[in-house]
């Protein structure tokens, strides 16, 4: 059995993090001690480690909650359900990567076009001009 502080230490998180997970339905304490302290067991420890790993992979709390629910009743769910959650996240990440790639290419283009001379004032800076042109095109 673990008290909240002990479990937090085992997982390298704060007690507030565990309370947050509990508040959001991701963690259910085993019960309470006679003095009212939350009690946790090794299953809770495994569950926190699962949550932390899922967070490292970029999964949102609602996605983690869905995965935890499937994990608790794994025989009532298919592997395809789990894969659909991770595939959806991959699709979102791929979209973000594509957007960031476009932004990087545009920024690199205007950056490379700038002479960057220290002795010249910025009144004729090609970066400022390019950004102004982009703003004019939006309007």
N, C-alpha and C. Protein backbone atom coordinates (compact mmCIF):
# COMPACT_ATOMS: atom_id res chain seq x y z
N UNK A 1 0.83 -1.19 0.00
CA UNK A 1 0.00 0.00 0.00
C UNK A 1 0.88 1.25 0.00
N UNK A 2 0.40 2.25 -0.70
CA UNK A 2 1.10 3.52 -0.77
C UNK A 2 0.17 4.64 -0.32
N UNK A 3 0.73 5.62 0.36
CA UNK A 3 0.05 6.88 0.57
C UNK A 3 0.36 7.75 -0.64
N UNK A 4 -0.40 8.82 -0.81
CA UNK A 4 -0.26 9.62 -2.02
C UNK A 4 1.16 10.13 -2.23
N UNK A 5 1.82 10.58 -1.17
CA UNK A 5 3.19 11.07 -1.29
C UNK A 5 4.16 9.99 -1.70
N UNK A 6 3.96 8.78 -1.19
CA UNK A 6 4.83 7.66 -1.54
C UNK A 6 4.65 7.26 -3.01
N UNK A 7 3.39 7.23 -3.43
CA UNK A 7 3.11 6.89 -4.83
C UNK A 7 3.69 7.96 -5.76
N UNK A 8 3.52 9.21 -5.37
CA UNK A 8 4.06 10.31 -6.18
C UNK A 8 5.57 10.17 -6.32
N UNK A 9 6.23 9.84 -5.23
CA UNK A 9 7.69 9.68 -5.26
C UNK A 9 8.09 8.52 -6.16
N UNK A 10 7.37 7.40 -6.08
CA UNK A 10 7.65 6.23 -6.92
C UNK A 10 7.54 6.58 -8.41
N UNK A 11 6.61 7.48 -8.73
CA UNK A 11 6.35 7.82 -10.13
C UNK A 11 7.07 9.09 -10.58
N UNK A 12 7.78 9.72 -9.63
CA UNK A 12 8.49 10.96 -9.93
C UNK A 12 7.55 12.08 -10.39
N UNK A 13 6.42 12.20 -9.72
CA UNK A 13 5.45 13.28 -9.95
C UNK A 13 5.11 13.89 -8.59
N UNK A 14 4.29 14.92 -8.61
CA UNK A 14 3.87 15.52 -7.36
C UNK A 14 2.54 14.92 -6.90
N UNK A 15 2.24 15.11 -5.64
CA UNK A 15 0.95 14.67 -5.11
C UNK A 15 -0.18 15.41 -5.81
N UNK A 16 0.07 16.67 -6.17
CA UNK A 16 -0.94 17.45 -6.89
C UNK A 16 -1.25 16.82 -8.24
N UNK A 17 -0.24 16.28 -8.89
CA UNK A 17 -0.47 15.59 -10.17
C UNK A 17 -1.40 14.41 -9.98
N UNK A 18 -1.17 13.63 -8.93
CA UNK A 18 -2.04 12.47 -8.66
C UNK A 18 -3.46 12.92 -8.33
N UNK A 19 -3.58 14.00 -7.57
CA UNK A 19 -4.93 14.52 -7.27
C UNK A 19 -5.62 14.99 -8.56
N UNK A 20 -4.85 15.60 -9.45
CA UNK A 20 -5.39 16.03 -10.74
C UNK A 20 -5.90 14.84 -11.54
N UNK A 21 -5.10 13.78 -11.59
CA UNK A 21 -5.54 12.57 -12.31
C UNK A 21 -6.78 11.98 -11.66
N UNK A 22 -6.83 12.00 -10.36
CA UNK A 22 -8.01 11.50 -9.67
C UNK A 22 -9.24 12.35 -9.99
N UNK A 23 -9.07 13.66 -9.93
CA UNK A 23 -10.17 14.59 -10.22
C UNK A 23 -10.71 14.39 -11.64
N UNK A 24 -9.82 14.04 -12.57
CA UNK A 24 -10.21 13.86 -13.97
C UNK A 24 -10.55 12.43 -14.33
N UNK A 25 -10.67 11.57 -13.33
CA UNK A 25 -11.13 10.21 -13.56
C UNK A 25 -10.09 9.25 -14.10
N UNK A 26 -8.83 9.63 -14.09
CA UNK A 26 -7.78 8.76 -14.59
C UNK A 26 -7.23 7.83 -13.52
N UNK A 27 -7.46 8.16 -12.28
CA UNK A 27 -6.90 7.40 -11.17
C UNK A 27 -7.95 7.30 -10.06
N UNK A 28 -8.14 6.09 -9.59
CA UNK A 28 -9.08 5.86 -8.49
C UNK A 28 -8.30 5.21 -7.35
N UNK A 29 -8.22 5.90 -6.20
CA UNK A 29 -7.51 5.29 -5.08
C UNK A 29 -8.21 4.01 -4.64
N UNK A 30 -7.44 3.14 -4.05
CA UNK A 30 -7.99 1.89 -3.55
C UNK A 30 -9.02 2.16 -2.45
N UNK A 31 -8.76 3.17 -1.68
CA UNK A 31 -9.64 3.55 -0.57
C UNK A 31 -8.96 4.59 0.27
N UNK A 32 -9.38 4.66 1.53
CA UNK A 32 -8.78 5.62 2.45
C UNK A 32 -8.40 4.91 3.74
N UNK A 33 -7.37 5.44 4.36
CA UNK A 33 -6.94 4.88 5.65
C UNK A 33 -7.91 5.33 6.74
N UNK A 34 -7.77 4.78 7.93
CA UNK A 34 -8.64 5.16 9.03
C UNK A 34 -8.53 6.64 9.36
N UNK A 35 -7.38 7.24 9.01
CA UNK A 35 -7.20 8.67 9.25
C UNK A 35 -7.56 9.52 8.02
N UNK A 36 -8.11 8.89 6.99
CA UNK A 36 -8.61 9.62 5.83
C UNK A 36 -7.65 9.82 4.68
N UNK A 37 -6.45 9.27 4.77
CA UNK A 37 -5.48 9.41 3.68
C UNK A 37 -5.82 8.45 2.53
N UNK A 38 -5.61 8.93 1.31
CA UNK A 38 -5.81 8.08 0.14
C UNK A 38 -4.82 6.92 0.18
N UNK A 39 -5.30 5.75 -0.23
CA UNK A 39 -4.44 4.56 -0.29
C UNK A 39 -4.38 4.06 -1.73
N UNK A 40 -3.19 3.65 -2.13
CA UNK A 40 -2.97 3.15 -3.48
C UNK A 40 -2.20 1.84 -3.40
N UNK A 41 -2.30 1.06 -4.50
CA UNK A 41 -1.57 -0.22 -4.54
C UNK A 41 -0.72 -0.29 -5.80
N UNK A 42 -0.15 -1.44 -6.05
CA UNK A 42 0.73 -1.61 -7.22
C UNK A 42 -0.01 -1.44 -8.54
N UNK A 43 -1.30 -1.77 -8.56
CA UNK A 43 -2.09 -1.54 -9.78
C UNK A 43 -2.17 -0.04 -10.08
N UNK A 44 -2.34 0.77 -9.03
CA UNK A 44 -2.36 2.22 -9.22
C UNK A 44 -1.01 2.73 -9.72
N UNK A 45 0.06 2.15 -9.18
CA UNK A 45 1.41 2.50 -9.62
C UNK A 45 1.57 2.21 -11.12
N UNK A 46 1.13 1.03 -11.54
CA UNK A 46 1.20 0.67 -12.97
C UNK A 46 0.35 1.61 -13.81
N UNK A 47 -0.79 1.99 -13.29
CA UNK A 47 -1.70 2.88 -14.01
C UNK A 47 -1.07 4.26 -14.19
N UNK A 48 -0.42 4.78 -13.16
CA UNK A 48 0.25 6.07 -13.27
C UNK A 48 1.38 6.00 -14.29
N UNK A 49 2.13 4.93 -14.26
CA UNK A 49 3.21 4.77 -15.24
C UNK A 49 2.67 4.70 -16.67
N UNK A 50 1.53 4.05 -16.82
CA UNK A 50 0.84 3.99 -18.13
C UNK A 50 0.46 5.40 -18.57
N UNK A 51 -0.14 6.17 -17.67
CA UNK A 51 -0.56 7.54 -17.98
C UNK A 51 0.65 8.39 -18.38
N UNK A 52 1.72 8.29 -17.62
CA UNK A 52 2.91 9.08 -17.89
C UNK A 52 3.54 8.73 -19.24
N UNK A 53 3.56 7.45 -19.57
CA UNK A 53 4.09 7.02 -20.87
C UNK A 53 3.21 7.55 -22.01
N UNK A 54 1.90 7.47 -21.82
CA UNK A 54 0.97 7.97 -22.83
C UNK A 54 1.14 9.48 -23.02
N UNK A 55 1.35 10.20 -21.92
CA UNK A 55 1.58 11.64 -22.02
C UNK A 55 2.87 11.94 -22.77
N UNK A 56 3.91 11.14 -22.55
CA UNK A 56 5.18 11.32 -23.27
C UNK A 56 4.97 11.19 -24.77
N UNK A 57 4.02 10.36 -25.15
CA UNK A 57 3.73 10.14 -26.57
C UNK A 57 2.79 11.20 -27.14
N UNK A 58 2.42 12.17 -26.30
CA UNK A 58 1.59 13.27 -26.78
C UNK A 58 0.10 13.05 -26.72
N UNK A 59 -0.32 11.98 -26.08
CA UNK A 59 -1.75 11.72 -26.00
C UNK A 59 -2.40 12.68 -25.00
N UNK A 60 -3.59 13.13 -25.32
CA UNK A 60 -4.35 14.04 -24.48
C UNK A 60 -5.04 13.25 -23.37
N UNK A 61 -5.46 13.96 -22.33
CA UNK A 61 -6.09 13.29 -21.19
C UNK A 61 -7.32 12.47 -21.60
N UNK A 62 -8.13 13.01 -22.50
CA UNK A 62 -9.32 12.24 -22.91
C UNK A 62 -8.93 10.98 -23.67
N UNK A 63 -7.87 11.05 -24.45
CA UNK A 63 -7.39 9.86 -25.15
C UNK A 63 -6.82 8.84 -24.17
N UNK A 64 -6.09 9.34 -23.19
CA UNK A 64 -5.54 8.45 -22.16
C UNK A 64 -6.66 7.79 -21.38
N UNK A 65 -7.67 8.57 -21.05
CA UNK A 65 -8.81 8.02 -20.30
C UNK A 65 -9.49 6.92 -21.11
N UNK A 66 -9.63 7.14 -22.39
CA UNK A 66 -10.23 6.12 -23.27
C UNK A 66 -9.38 4.85 -23.31
N UNK A 67 -8.08 5.03 -23.41
CA UNK A 67 -7.17 3.88 -23.42
C UNK A 67 -7.20 3.13 -22.10
N UNK A 68 -7.26 3.88 -21.00
CA UNK A 68 -7.35 3.23 -19.68
C UNK A 68 -8.63 2.42 -19.56
N UNK A 69 -9.73 2.96 -20.05
CA UNK A 69 -11.00 2.24 -19.99
C UNK A 69 -10.92 0.95 -20.80
N UNK A 70 -10.31 1.03 -21.96
CA UNK A 70 -10.14 -0.17 -22.79
C UNK A 70 -9.24 -1.17 -22.08
N UNK A 71 -8.17 -0.66 -21.48
CA UNK A 71 -7.21 -1.53 -20.78
C UNK A 71 -7.87 -2.27 -19.62
N UNK A 72 -8.77 -1.59 -18.91
CA UNK A 72 -9.44 -2.20 -17.76
C UNK A 72 -10.39 -3.32 -18.17
N UNK A 73 -10.94 -3.21 -19.38
CA UNK A 73 -11.85 -4.23 -19.88
C UNK A 73 -11.38 -4.69 -21.26
N UNK A 74 -10.14 -5.07 -21.33
CA UNK A 74 -9.49 -5.39 -22.61
C UNK A 74 -10.21 -6.49 -23.39
N UNK A 75 -10.83 -7.45 -22.69
CA UNK A 75 -11.50 -8.55 -23.39
C UNK A 75 -12.77 -8.09 -24.10
N UNK A 76 -13.27 -6.91 -23.75
CA UNK A 76 -14.50 -6.39 -24.38
C UNK A 76 -14.19 -5.43 -25.52
N UNK A 77 -12.91 -5.24 -25.83
CA UNK A 77 -12.51 -4.30 -26.87
C UNK A 77 -11.54 -4.97 -27.82
N UNK A 78 -11.40 -4.35 -28.99
CA UNK A 78 -10.48 -4.90 -29.99
C UNK A 78 -9.21 -4.04 -30.06
N UNK A 79 -8.20 -4.66 -30.58
CA UNK A 79 -6.94 -3.97 -30.82
C UNK A 79 -7.16 -2.83 -31.83
N UNK A 80 -8.11 -3.02 -32.73
CA UNK A 80 -8.41 -2.00 -33.74
C UNK A 80 -8.91 -0.71 -33.08
N UNK A 81 -9.63 -0.82 -31.98
CA UNK A 81 -10.09 0.37 -31.26
C UNK A 81 -8.92 1.16 -30.71
N UNK A 82 -7.96 0.45 -30.17
CA UNK A 82 -6.77 1.10 -29.63
C UNK A 82 -5.98 1.74 -30.76
N UNK A 83 -5.81 0.99 -31.85
CA UNK A 83 -5.05 1.51 -32.98
C UNK A 83 -5.72 2.75 -33.57
N UNK A 84 -7.03 2.80 -33.57
CA UNK A 84 -7.75 3.97 -34.11
C UNK A 84 -7.40 5.24 -33.31
N UNK A 85 -7.22 5.09 -32.01
CA UNK A 85 -6.86 6.24 -31.17
C UNK A 85 -5.46 6.73 -31.52
N UNK A 86 -4.51 5.80 -31.63
CA UNK A 86 -3.14 6.22 -31.94
C UNK A 86 -3.02 6.69 -33.39
N UNK A 87 -3.78 6.09 -34.30
CA UNK A 87 -3.74 6.53 -35.70
C UNK A 87 -4.28 7.95 -35.83
N UNK A 88 -5.34 8.25 -35.10
CA UNK A 88 -5.89 9.60 -35.11
C UNK A 88 -4.86 10.61 -34.62
N UNK A 89 -4.14 10.26 -33.56
CA UNK A 89 -3.09 11.14 -33.03
C UNK A 89 -1.97 11.30 -34.06
N UNK A 90 -1.59 10.20 -34.71
CA UNK A 90 -0.56 10.28 -35.76
C UNK A 90 -0.98 11.21 -36.89
N UNK A 91 -2.24 11.14 -37.29
CA UNK A 91 -2.74 12.01 -38.36
C UNK A 91 -2.64 13.48 -37.96
N UNK A 92 -2.98 13.79 -36.71
CA UNK A 92 -2.88 15.17 -36.22
C UNK A 92 -1.43 15.63 -36.21
N UNK A 93 -0.54 14.76 -35.76
CA UNK A 93 0.89 15.09 -35.72
C UNK A 93 1.44 15.31 -37.13
N UNK A 94 1.03 14.45 -38.07
CA UNK A 94 1.48 14.61 -39.46
C UNK A 94 1.01 15.95 -40.04
N UNK A 95 -0.22 16.36 -39.72
CA UNK A 95 -0.73 17.66 -40.17
C UNK A 95 0.10 18.79 -39.58
N UNK A 96 0.42 18.70 -38.31
CA UNK A 96 1.22 19.74 -37.66
C UNK A 96 2.62 19.80 -38.26
N UNK A 97 3.20 18.65 -38.53
CA UNK A 97 4.54 18.62 -39.13
C UNK A 97 4.50 19.28 -40.51
N UNK A 98 3.48 18.99 -41.29
CA UNK A 98 3.35 19.60 -42.62
C UNK A 98 3.21 21.12 -42.51
N UNK A 99 2.40 21.58 -41.54
CA UNK A 99 2.24 23.03 -41.34
C UNK A 99 3.56 23.66 -40.91
N UNK A 100 4.27 23.02 -39.98
CA UNK A 100 5.55 23.55 -39.52
C UNK A 100 6.60 23.54 -40.64
N UNK A 101 6.55 22.54 -41.49
CA UNK A 101 7.47 22.48 -42.62
C UNK A 101 7.22 23.64 -43.57
N UNK A 102 5.96 23.93 -43.86
CA UNK A 102 5.61 25.07 -44.71
C UNK A 102 6.08 26.38 -44.10
N UNK A 103 5.86 26.53 -42.79
CA UNK A 103 6.28 27.74 -42.09
C UNK A 103 7.80 27.87 -42.15
N UNK A 104 8.50 26.78 -41.92
CA UNK A 104 9.97 26.81 -41.93
C UNK A 104 10.49 27.20 -43.31
N UNK A 105 9.92 26.63 -44.35
CA UNK A 105 10.37 26.94 -45.71
C UNK A 105 10.15 28.41 -46.03
N UNK A 106 9.01 28.95 -45.64
CA UNK A 106 8.72 30.36 -45.91
C UNK A 106 9.66 31.26 -45.11
N UNK A 107 9.86 30.93 -43.84
CA UNK A 107 10.75 31.73 -43.01
C UNK A 107 12.20 31.65 -43.50
N UNK A 108 12.62 30.46 -43.90
CA UNK A 108 13.98 30.29 -44.41
C UNK A 108 14.16 31.09 -45.69
N UNK A 109 13.16 31.12 -46.53
CA UNK A 109 13.23 31.85 -47.79
C UNK A 109 13.44 33.34 -47.55
N UNK A 110 12.66 33.93 -46.65
CA UNK A 110 12.84 35.37 -46.42
C UNK A 110 14.11 35.65 -45.63
N UNK A 111 14.50 34.72 -44.78
CA UNK A 111 15.75 34.89 -44.02
C UNK A 111 16.96 34.82 -44.95
N UNK A 112 16.95 33.87 -45.87
CA UNK A 112 18.06 33.72 -46.80
C UNK A 112 18.17 34.91 -47.75
N UNK A 113 17.05 35.56 -48.05
CA UNK A 113 17.05 36.70 -48.97
C UNK A 113 17.61 37.97 -48.32
N UNK A 114 17.71 37.99 -47.01
CA UNK A 114 18.18 39.17 -46.29
C UNK A 114 19.71 39.20 -46.27
N UNK A 115 20.25 40.38 -46.53
CA UNK A 115 21.71 40.52 -46.51
C UNK A 115 22.24 40.53 -45.08
N UNK A 116 21.45 41.04 -44.14
CA UNK A 116 21.83 41.02 -42.74
C UNK A 116 23.01 41.90 -42.38
N UNK A 117 23.25 42.95 -43.15
CA UNK A 117 24.38 43.84 -42.87
C UNK A 117 24.15 44.62 -41.60
N UNK A 118 25.16 44.66 -40.78
CA UNK A 118 25.11 45.38 -39.51
C UNK A 118 25.14 46.89 -39.76
N UNK A 119 25.84 47.33 -40.78
CA UNK A 119 26.03 48.76 -41.04
C UNK A 119 24.82 49.42 -41.70
N UNK A 120 23.88 48.65 -42.21
CA UNK A 120 22.72 49.22 -42.88
C UNK A 120 21.54 49.30 -41.93
N UNK A 121 20.77 50.38 -42.07
CA UNK A 121 19.57 50.47 -41.23
C UNK A 121 18.49 49.56 -41.79
N UNK A 122 17.46 49.35 -41.02
CA UNK A 122 16.42 48.37 -41.37
C UNK A 122 15.34 48.93 -42.30
N UNK A 123 15.50 50.17 -42.75
CA UNK A 123 14.45 50.76 -43.59
C UNK A 123 14.29 50.03 -44.93
N UNK A 124 15.33 49.33 -45.36
CA UNK A 124 15.24 48.59 -46.63
C UNK A 124 15.41 47.09 -46.40
N UNK A 125 15.09 46.63 -45.21
CA UNK A 125 15.27 45.21 -44.87
C UNK A 125 14.30 44.34 -45.67
N UNK A 126 14.83 43.36 -46.34
CA UNK A 126 14.00 42.50 -47.18
C UNK A 126 13.04 41.63 -46.34
N UNK A 127 13.42 41.32 -45.11
CA UNK A 127 12.52 40.54 -44.25
C UNK A 127 11.29 41.36 -43.89
N UNK A 128 11.52 42.62 -43.47
CA UNK A 128 10.39 43.48 -43.14
C UNK A 128 9.50 43.70 -44.36
N UNK A 129 10.12 43.88 -45.52
CA UNK A 129 9.34 44.06 -46.76
C UNK A 129 8.52 42.82 -47.08
N UNK A 130 9.14 41.65 -46.95
CA UNK A 130 8.43 40.40 -47.25
C UNK A 130 7.26 40.20 -46.29
N UNK A 131 7.46 40.51 -45.02
CA UNK A 131 6.36 40.37 -44.05
C UNK A 131 5.25 41.37 -44.34
N UNK A 132 5.60 42.57 -44.76
CA UNK A 132 4.60 43.57 -45.12
C UNK A 132 3.81 43.12 -46.34
N UNK A 133 4.50 42.52 -47.32
CA UNK A 133 3.82 42.01 -48.51
C UNK A 133 2.85 40.89 -48.15
N UNK A 134 3.26 40.01 -47.25
CA UNK A 134 2.38 38.93 -46.82
C UNK A 134 1.14 39.51 -46.16
N UNK A 135 1.32 40.56 -45.36
CA UNK A 135 0.18 41.18 -44.67
C UNK A 135 -0.75 41.84 -45.68
N UNK A 136 -0.19 42.50 -46.70
CA UNK A 136 -0.99 43.15 -47.74
C UNK A 136 -1.81 42.12 -48.52
N UNK A 137 -1.22 40.97 -48.80
CA UNK A 137 -1.91 39.92 -49.54
C UNK A 137 -3.08 39.35 -48.75
N UNK A 138 -2.96 39.33 -47.40
CA UNK A 138 -4.03 38.82 -46.55
C UNK A 138 -5.26 39.73 -46.62
N UNK A 139 -5.01 41.05 -46.69
CA UNK A 139 -6.11 42.04 -46.69
C UNK A 139 -6.76 42.10 -48.01
